[in-house]
């Protein structure tokens, strides 16, 4: 609810990494690992900002932030085929109006 993200190992109650205020205090609505690139995850906050984290590039801050300006995003999920090396990774955004947008992620965050 405060924008903090914690990365846990299944065998420990303590986080391996913790990023406080990662969304400038906005609650996180959705967070998902990339299906095609294990070091990348995406977070959606309550203000319709999408944060892209690539832990191989920078493990302190997100490497990119994209605002969806037209209308509030209510949900996000990723789609892709991890068994294929084509690097296609899509993002499905559900807006409050019921509209669904599908956007493709740049190859640099999608290739294995």
N, C-alpha and C. Protein backbone atom coordinates (compact mmCIF):
# COMPACT_ATOMS: atom_id res chain seq x y z
N UNK A 1 0.81 -1.21 0.00
CA UNK A 1 0.00 0.00 0.00
C UNK A 1 0.85 1.28 0.00
N UNK A 2 2.14 1.17 0.36
CA UNK A 2 3.00 2.37 0.40
C UNK A 2 4.01 2.43 -0.74
N UNK A 3 3.93 1.49 -1.68
CA UNK A 3 4.84 1.48 -2.81
C UNK A 3 6.12 0.72 -2.56
N UNK A 4 6.23 0.04 -1.44
CA UNK A 4 7.44 -0.75 -1.17
C UNK A 4 7.36 -2.10 -1.88
N UNK A 5 8.51 -2.56 -2.34
CA UNK A 5 8.62 -3.87 -2.99
C UNK A 5 9.69 -4.65 -2.26
N UNK A 6 9.39 -5.91 -1.97
CA UNK A 6 10.36 -6.78 -1.32
C UNK A 6 10.54 -8.06 -2.13
N UNK A 7 11.78 -8.46 -2.30
CA UNK A 7 12.12 -9.69 -3.00
C UNK A 7 12.52 -10.72 -1.96
N UNK A 8 11.77 -11.81 -1.91
CA UNK A 8 12.00 -12.85 -0.91
C UNK A 8 12.49 -14.13 -1.55
N UNK A 9 13.25 -14.86 -0.78
CA UNK A 9 13.63 -16.23 -1.10
C UNK A 9 12.66 -17.12 -0.33
N UNK A 10 12.23 -18.21 -0.93
CA UNK A 10 11.21 -19.05 -0.31
C UNK A 10 11.64 -19.62 1.04
N UNK A 11 12.93 -19.72 1.30
CA UNK A 11 13.41 -20.36 2.53
C UNK A 11 13.65 -19.38 3.68
N UNK A 12 13.34 -18.09 3.47
CA UNK A 12 13.62 -17.11 4.51
C UNK A 12 12.47 -16.13 4.65
N UNK A 13 12.21 -15.72 5.88
CA UNK A 13 11.17 -14.72 6.10
C UNK A 13 11.68 -13.30 5.84
N UNK A 14 12.99 -13.15 5.73
CA UNK A 14 13.58 -11.83 5.51
C UNK A 14 13.83 -11.62 4.02
N UNK A 15 13.58 -10.40 3.53
CA UNK A 15 13.77 -10.15 2.09
C UNK A 15 15.25 -10.13 1.69
N UNK A 16 15.51 -10.58 0.47
CA UNK A 16 16.86 -10.46 -0.11
C UNK A 16 17.14 -9.01 -0.47
N UNK A 17 16.11 -8.35 -1.00
CA UNK A 17 16.20 -6.93 -1.40
C UNK A 17 14.90 -6.26 -0.98
N UNK A 18 14.99 -4.97 -0.73
CA UNK A 18 13.79 -4.19 -0.42
C UNK A 18 13.95 -2.80 -1.02
N UNK A 19 12.92 -2.37 -1.72
CA UNK A 19 12.92 -1.04 -2.31
C UNK A 19 11.76 -0.26 -1.68
N UNK A 20 12.10 0.68 -0.81
CA UNK A 20 11.08 1.51 -0.17
C UNK A 20 10.69 2.65 -1.09
N UNK A 21 9.43 3.02 -1.04
CA UNK A 21 8.93 4.17 -1.81
C UNK A 21 9.26 4.04 -3.30
N UNK A 22 9.20 2.83 -3.83
CA UNK A 22 9.58 2.60 -5.22
C UNK A 22 8.62 3.25 -6.21
N UNK A 23 7.41 3.59 -5.76
CA UNK A 23 6.42 4.22 -6.63
C UNK A 23 6.03 5.60 -6.12
N UNK A 24 6.94 6.23 -5.40
CA UNK A 24 6.70 7.56 -4.83
C UNK A 24 5.48 7.56 -3.92
N UNK A 25 5.29 6.47 -3.19
CA UNK A 25 4.23 6.37 -2.21
C UNK A 25 2.90 5.87 -2.73
N UNK A 26 2.78 5.67 -4.04
CA UNK A 26 1.53 5.17 -4.61
C UNK A 26 1.38 3.67 -4.35
N UNK A 27 0.18 3.20 -4.02
CA UNK A 27 -0.03 1.77 -3.83
C UNK A 27 0.25 0.99 -5.12
N UNK A 28 0.78 -0.20 -4.97
CA UNK A 28 1.04 -1.07 -6.11
C UNK A 28 -0.20 -1.93 -6.36
N UNK A 29 -0.68 -1.88 -7.58
CA UNK A 29 -1.88 -2.63 -7.96
C UNK A 29 -1.49 -4.02 -8.49
N UNK A 30 -0.41 -4.07 -9.28
CA UNK A 30 0.00 -5.35 -9.87
C UNK A 30 1.51 -5.37 -9.98
N UNK A 31 2.07 -6.57 -9.86
CA UNK A 31 3.51 -6.77 -10.02
C UNK A 31 3.69 -8.16 -10.63
N UNK A 32 4.49 -8.23 -11.69
CA UNK A 32 4.68 -9.52 -12.35
C UNK A 32 6.06 -9.61 -12.97
N UNK A 33 6.68 -10.78 -12.83
CA UNK A 33 7.96 -11.06 -13.49
C UNK A 33 7.73 -11.23 -14.98
N UNK A 34 8.70 -10.81 -15.78
CA UNK A 34 8.65 -11.05 -17.23
C UNK A 34 8.71 -12.55 -17.47
N UNK A 35 7.93 -13.02 -18.41
CA UNK A 35 7.87 -14.45 -18.71
C UNK A 35 9.07 -14.91 -19.52
N UNK A 36 9.71 -13.98 -20.21
CA UNK A 36 10.80 -14.34 -21.13
C UNK A 36 12.18 -13.93 -20.64
N UNK A 37 12.25 -13.12 -19.59
CA UNK A 37 13.54 -12.65 -19.08
C UNK A 37 13.48 -12.62 -17.56
N UNK A 38 14.10 -13.56 -16.88
CA UNK A 38 13.93 -13.72 -15.44
C UNK A 38 14.36 -12.56 -14.56
N UNK A 39 15.22 -11.68 -15.02
CA UNK A 39 15.70 -10.59 -14.17
C UNK A 39 14.84 -9.33 -14.27
N UNK A 40 13.75 -9.39 -15.03
CA UNK A 40 12.92 -8.21 -15.27
C UNK A 40 11.54 -8.42 -14.65
N UNK A 41 11.06 -7.37 -13.95
CA UNK A 41 9.67 -7.39 -13.50
C UNK A 41 9.04 -6.02 -13.71
N UNK A 42 7.72 -6.02 -13.71
CA UNK A 42 6.93 -4.83 -13.99
C UNK A 42 6.00 -4.58 -12.81
N UNK A 43 5.84 -3.31 -12.45
CA UNK A 43 4.92 -2.94 -11.38
C UNK A 43 3.98 -1.84 -11.89
N UNK A 44 2.72 -1.96 -11.55
CA UNK A 44 1.71 -0.96 -11.89
C UNK A 44 1.25 -0.31 -10.60
N UNK A 45 1.27 1.04 -10.55
CA UNK A 45 0.80 1.72 -9.34
C UNK A 45 -0.61 2.29 -9.54
N UNK A 46 -1.17 2.82 -8.48
CA UNK A 46 -2.55 3.31 -8.50
C UNK A 46 -2.73 4.55 -9.37
N UNK A 47 -1.65 5.20 -9.77
CA UNK A 47 -1.73 6.37 -10.65
C UNK A 47 -1.49 6.02 -12.11
N UNK A 48 -1.57 4.74 -12.44
CA UNK A 48 -1.39 4.24 -13.82
C UNK A 48 0.02 4.45 -14.35
N UNK A 49 1.00 4.34 -13.47
CA UNK A 49 2.40 4.34 -13.88
C UNK A 49 2.89 2.90 -13.91
N UNK A 50 3.62 2.55 -14.95
CA UNK A 50 4.22 1.23 -15.05
C UNK A 50 5.72 1.40 -14.87
N UNK A 51 6.28 0.66 -13.92
CA UNK A 51 7.71 0.71 -13.62
C UNK A 51 8.33 -0.58 -14.13
N UNK A 52 9.44 -0.44 -14.85
CA UNK A 52 10.16 -1.60 -15.36
C UNK A 52 11.47 -1.72 -14.60
N UNK A 53 11.66 -2.88 -13.99
CA UNK A 53 12.87 -3.17 -13.23
C UNK A 53 13.66 -4.23 -13.97
N UNK A 54 14.91 -3.96 -14.26
CA UNK A 54 15.83 -4.95 -14.82
C UNK A 54 16.99 -5.07 -13.82
N UNK A 55 16.95 -6.12 -13.03
CA UNK A 55 17.92 -6.26 -11.94
C UNK A 55 19.34 -6.48 -12.43
N UNK A 56 19.52 -6.90 -13.68
CA UNK A 56 20.87 -7.03 -14.23
C UNK A 56 21.44 -5.68 -14.64
N UNK A 57 20.57 -4.74 -14.95
CA UNK A 57 21.02 -3.40 -15.35
C UNK A 57 21.15 -2.47 -14.15
N UNK A 58 20.16 -2.51 -13.25
CA UNK A 58 20.18 -1.63 -12.08
C UNK A 58 19.32 -2.28 -10.99
N UNK A 59 19.92 -2.60 -9.87
CA UNK A 59 19.15 -3.24 -8.79
C UNK A 59 18.73 -2.25 -7.70
N UNK A 60 18.91 -0.96 -7.95
CA UNK A 60 18.51 0.06 -6.99
C UNK A 60 17.24 0.81 -7.38
N UNK A 61 17.05 1.01 -8.69
CA UNK A 61 15.94 1.81 -9.21
C UNK A 61 15.34 1.16 -10.44
N UNK A 62 14.10 1.50 -10.78
CA UNK A 62 13.56 1.01 -12.04
C UNK A 62 14.34 1.59 -13.21
N UNK A 63 14.45 0.84 -14.30
CA UNK A 63 15.18 1.32 -15.47
C UNK A 63 14.30 2.17 -16.37
N UNK A 64 12.98 2.09 -16.18
CA UNK A 64 12.06 2.91 -16.98
C UNK A 64 10.74 3.06 -16.23
N UNK A 65 10.04 4.14 -16.57
CA UNK A 65 8.70 4.39 -16.04
C UNK A 65 7.85 4.92 -17.17
N UNK A 66 6.67 4.36 -17.33
CA UNK A 66 5.75 4.80 -18.37
C UNK A 66 4.40 5.11 -17.74
N UNK A 67 3.88 6.31 -18.01
CA UNK A 67 2.57 6.69 -17.53
C UNK A 67 1.54 6.43 -18.61
N UNK A 68 0.43 5.84 -18.23
CA UNK A 68 -0.69 5.63 -19.16
C UNK A 68 -1.65 6.80 -18.92
N UNK A 69 -1.62 7.82 -19.78
CA UNK A 69 -2.31 9.07 -19.48
C UNK A 69 -3.81 9.08 -19.76
N UNK A 70 -4.28 8.28 -20.69
CA UNK A 70 -5.65 8.44 -21.17
C UNK A 70 -6.71 8.11 -20.13
N UNK A 71 -6.48 7.06 -19.36
CA UNK A 71 -7.50 6.62 -18.43
C UNK A 71 -6.86 5.70 -17.40
N UNK A 72 -7.47 5.60 -16.24
CA UNK A 72 -6.89 4.81 -15.15
C UNK A 72 -6.85 3.32 -15.50
N UNK A 73 -5.68 2.71 -15.23
CA UNK A 73 -5.50 1.28 -15.47
C UNK A 73 -5.86 0.54 -14.19
N UNK A 74 -6.74 -0.46 -14.31
CA UNK A 74 -7.22 -1.19 -13.15
C UNK A 74 -6.45 -2.49 -12.92
N UNK A 75 -5.88 -3.06 -13.99
CA UNK A 75 -5.17 -4.33 -13.86
C UNK A 75 -4.14 -4.47 -14.97
N UNK A 76 -3.12 -5.29 -14.71
CA UNK A 76 -2.06 -5.54 -15.68
C UNK A 76 -1.64 -7.00 -15.58
N UNK A 77 -1.36 -7.59 -16.71
CA UNK A 77 -0.76 -8.91 -16.75
C UNK A 77 0.14 -8.99 -17.97
N UNK A 78 1.06 -9.94 -17.95
CA UNK A 78 2.00 -10.11 -19.05
C UNK A 78 1.68 -11.39 -19.80
N UNK A 79 2.00 -11.39 -21.08
CA UNK A 79 1.84 -12.60 -21.87
C UNK A 79 3.07 -12.80 -22.73
N UNK A 80 3.41 -14.04 -22.95
CA UNK A 80 4.58 -14.39 -23.75
C UNK A 80 4.79 -15.89 -23.71
N UNK A 81 5.76 -16.33 -24.47
CA UNK A 81 6.07 -17.76 -24.55
C UNK A 81 7.52 -17.97 -24.13
N UNK A 82 7.74 -18.29 -22.86
CA UNK A 82 9.11 -18.41 -22.35
C UNK A 82 9.92 -19.50 -23.04
N UNK A 83 9.25 -20.49 -23.61
CA UNK A 83 9.99 -21.57 -24.27
C UNK A 83 10.50 -21.18 -25.65
N UNK A 84 10.06 -20.05 -26.18
CA UNK A 84 10.54 -19.56 -27.48
C UNK A 84 11.55 -18.43 -27.25
N UNK A 85 12.57 -18.40 -28.07
CA UNK A 85 13.64 -17.40 -27.91
C UNK A 85 13.40 -16.15 -28.75
N UNK A 86 12.16 -15.94 -29.24
CA UNK A 86 11.89 -14.77 -30.08
C UNK A 86 11.78 -13.47 -29.29
N UNK A 87 11.67 -13.56 -27.97
CA UNK A 87 11.65 -12.37 -27.14
C UNK A 87 10.36 -11.58 -27.20
N UNK A 88 9.27 -12.17 -27.69
CA UNK A 88 8.01 -11.45 -27.70
C UNK A 88 7.39 -11.48 -26.31
N UNK A 89 7.15 -10.28 -25.78
CA UNK A 89 6.54 -10.14 -24.47
C UNK A 89 5.49 -9.05 -24.57
N UNK A 90 4.26 -9.39 -24.24
CA UNK A 90 3.17 -8.44 -24.31
C UNK A 90 2.67 -8.07 -22.93
N UNK A 91 2.07 -6.90 -22.86
CA UNK A 91 1.49 -6.41 -21.62
C UNK A 91 0.02 -6.12 -21.89
N UNK A 92 -0.84 -6.71 -21.08
CA UNK A 92 -2.28 -6.50 -21.21
C UNK A 92 -2.70 -5.56 -20.09
N UNK A 93 -3.31 -4.44 -20.48
CA UNK A 93 -3.76 -3.43 -19.53
C UNK A 93 -5.28 -3.34 -19.58
N UNK A 94 -5.93 -3.52 -18.44
CA UNK A 94 -7.38 -3.38 -18.34
C UNK A 94 -7.68 -2.02 -17.73
N UNK A 95 -8.42 -1.21 -18.45
CA UNK A 95 -8.74 0.13 -17.97
C UNK A 95 -10.08 0.12 -17.24
N UNK A 96 -10.33 1.13 -16.43
CA UNK A 96 -11.55 1.18 -15.63
C UNK A 96 -12.81 1.17 -16.47
N UNK A 97 -12.74 1.66 -17.71
CA UNK A 97 -13.90 1.68 -18.60
C UNK A 97 -14.24 0.29 -19.15
N UNK A 98 -13.33 -0.67 -18.95
CA UNK A 98 -13.51 -2.00 -19.50
C UNK A 98 -12.70 -2.22 -20.77
N UNK A 99 -12.06 -1.18 -21.28
CA UNK A 99 -11.23 -1.30 -22.47
C UNK A 99 -9.97 -2.07 -22.13
N UNK A 100 -9.54 -2.91 -23.07
CA UNK A 100 -8.31 -3.70 -22.91
C UNK A 100 -7.30 -3.22 -23.95
N UNK A 101 -6.09 -2.93 -23.51
CA UNK A 101 -4.99 -2.57 -24.41
C UNK A 101 -3.93 -3.66 -24.32
N UNK A 102 -3.36 -4.02 -25.46
CA UNK A 102 -2.23 -4.94 -25.49
C UNK A 102 -1.07 -4.18 -26.12
N UNK A 103 0.04 -4.12 -25.38
CA UNK A 103 1.23 -3.44 -25.87
C UNK A 103 2.40 -4.41 -25.81
N UNK A 104 3.31 -4.28 -26.76
CA UNK A 104 4.50 -5.12 -26.74
C UNK A 104 5.64 -4.39 -26.05
N UNK A 105 6.42 -5.14 -25.31
CA UNK A 105 7.54 -4.61 -24.55
C UNK A 105 8.77 -4.58 -25.46
N UNK A 106 9.62 -3.57 -25.28
CA UNK A 106 10.86 -3.48 -26.05
C UNK A 106 11.68 -4.75 -25.89
N UNK A 107 12.35 -5.13 -26.96
CA UNK A 107 13.14 -6.37 -26.97
C UNK A 107 14.20 -6.40 -25.87
N UNK A 108 14.78 -5.25 -25.52
CA UNK A 108 15.85 -5.26 -24.52
C UNK A 108 15.37 -5.72 -23.16
N UNK A 109 14.05 -5.63 -22.88
CA UNK A 109 13.49 -6.11 -21.62
C UNK A 109 12.78 -7.44 -21.79
N UNK A 110 12.77 -7.98 -23.00
CA UNK A 110 12.02 -9.20 -23.26
C UNK A 110 12.90 -10.37 -23.69
N UNK A 111 14.05 -10.10 -24.33
CA UNK A 111 14.89 -11.19 -24.81
C UNK A 111 15.54 -11.94 -23.65
N UNK A 112 15.57 -13.27 -23.76
CA UNK A 112 16.20 -14.06 -22.69
C UNK A 112 17.69 -13.79 -22.55
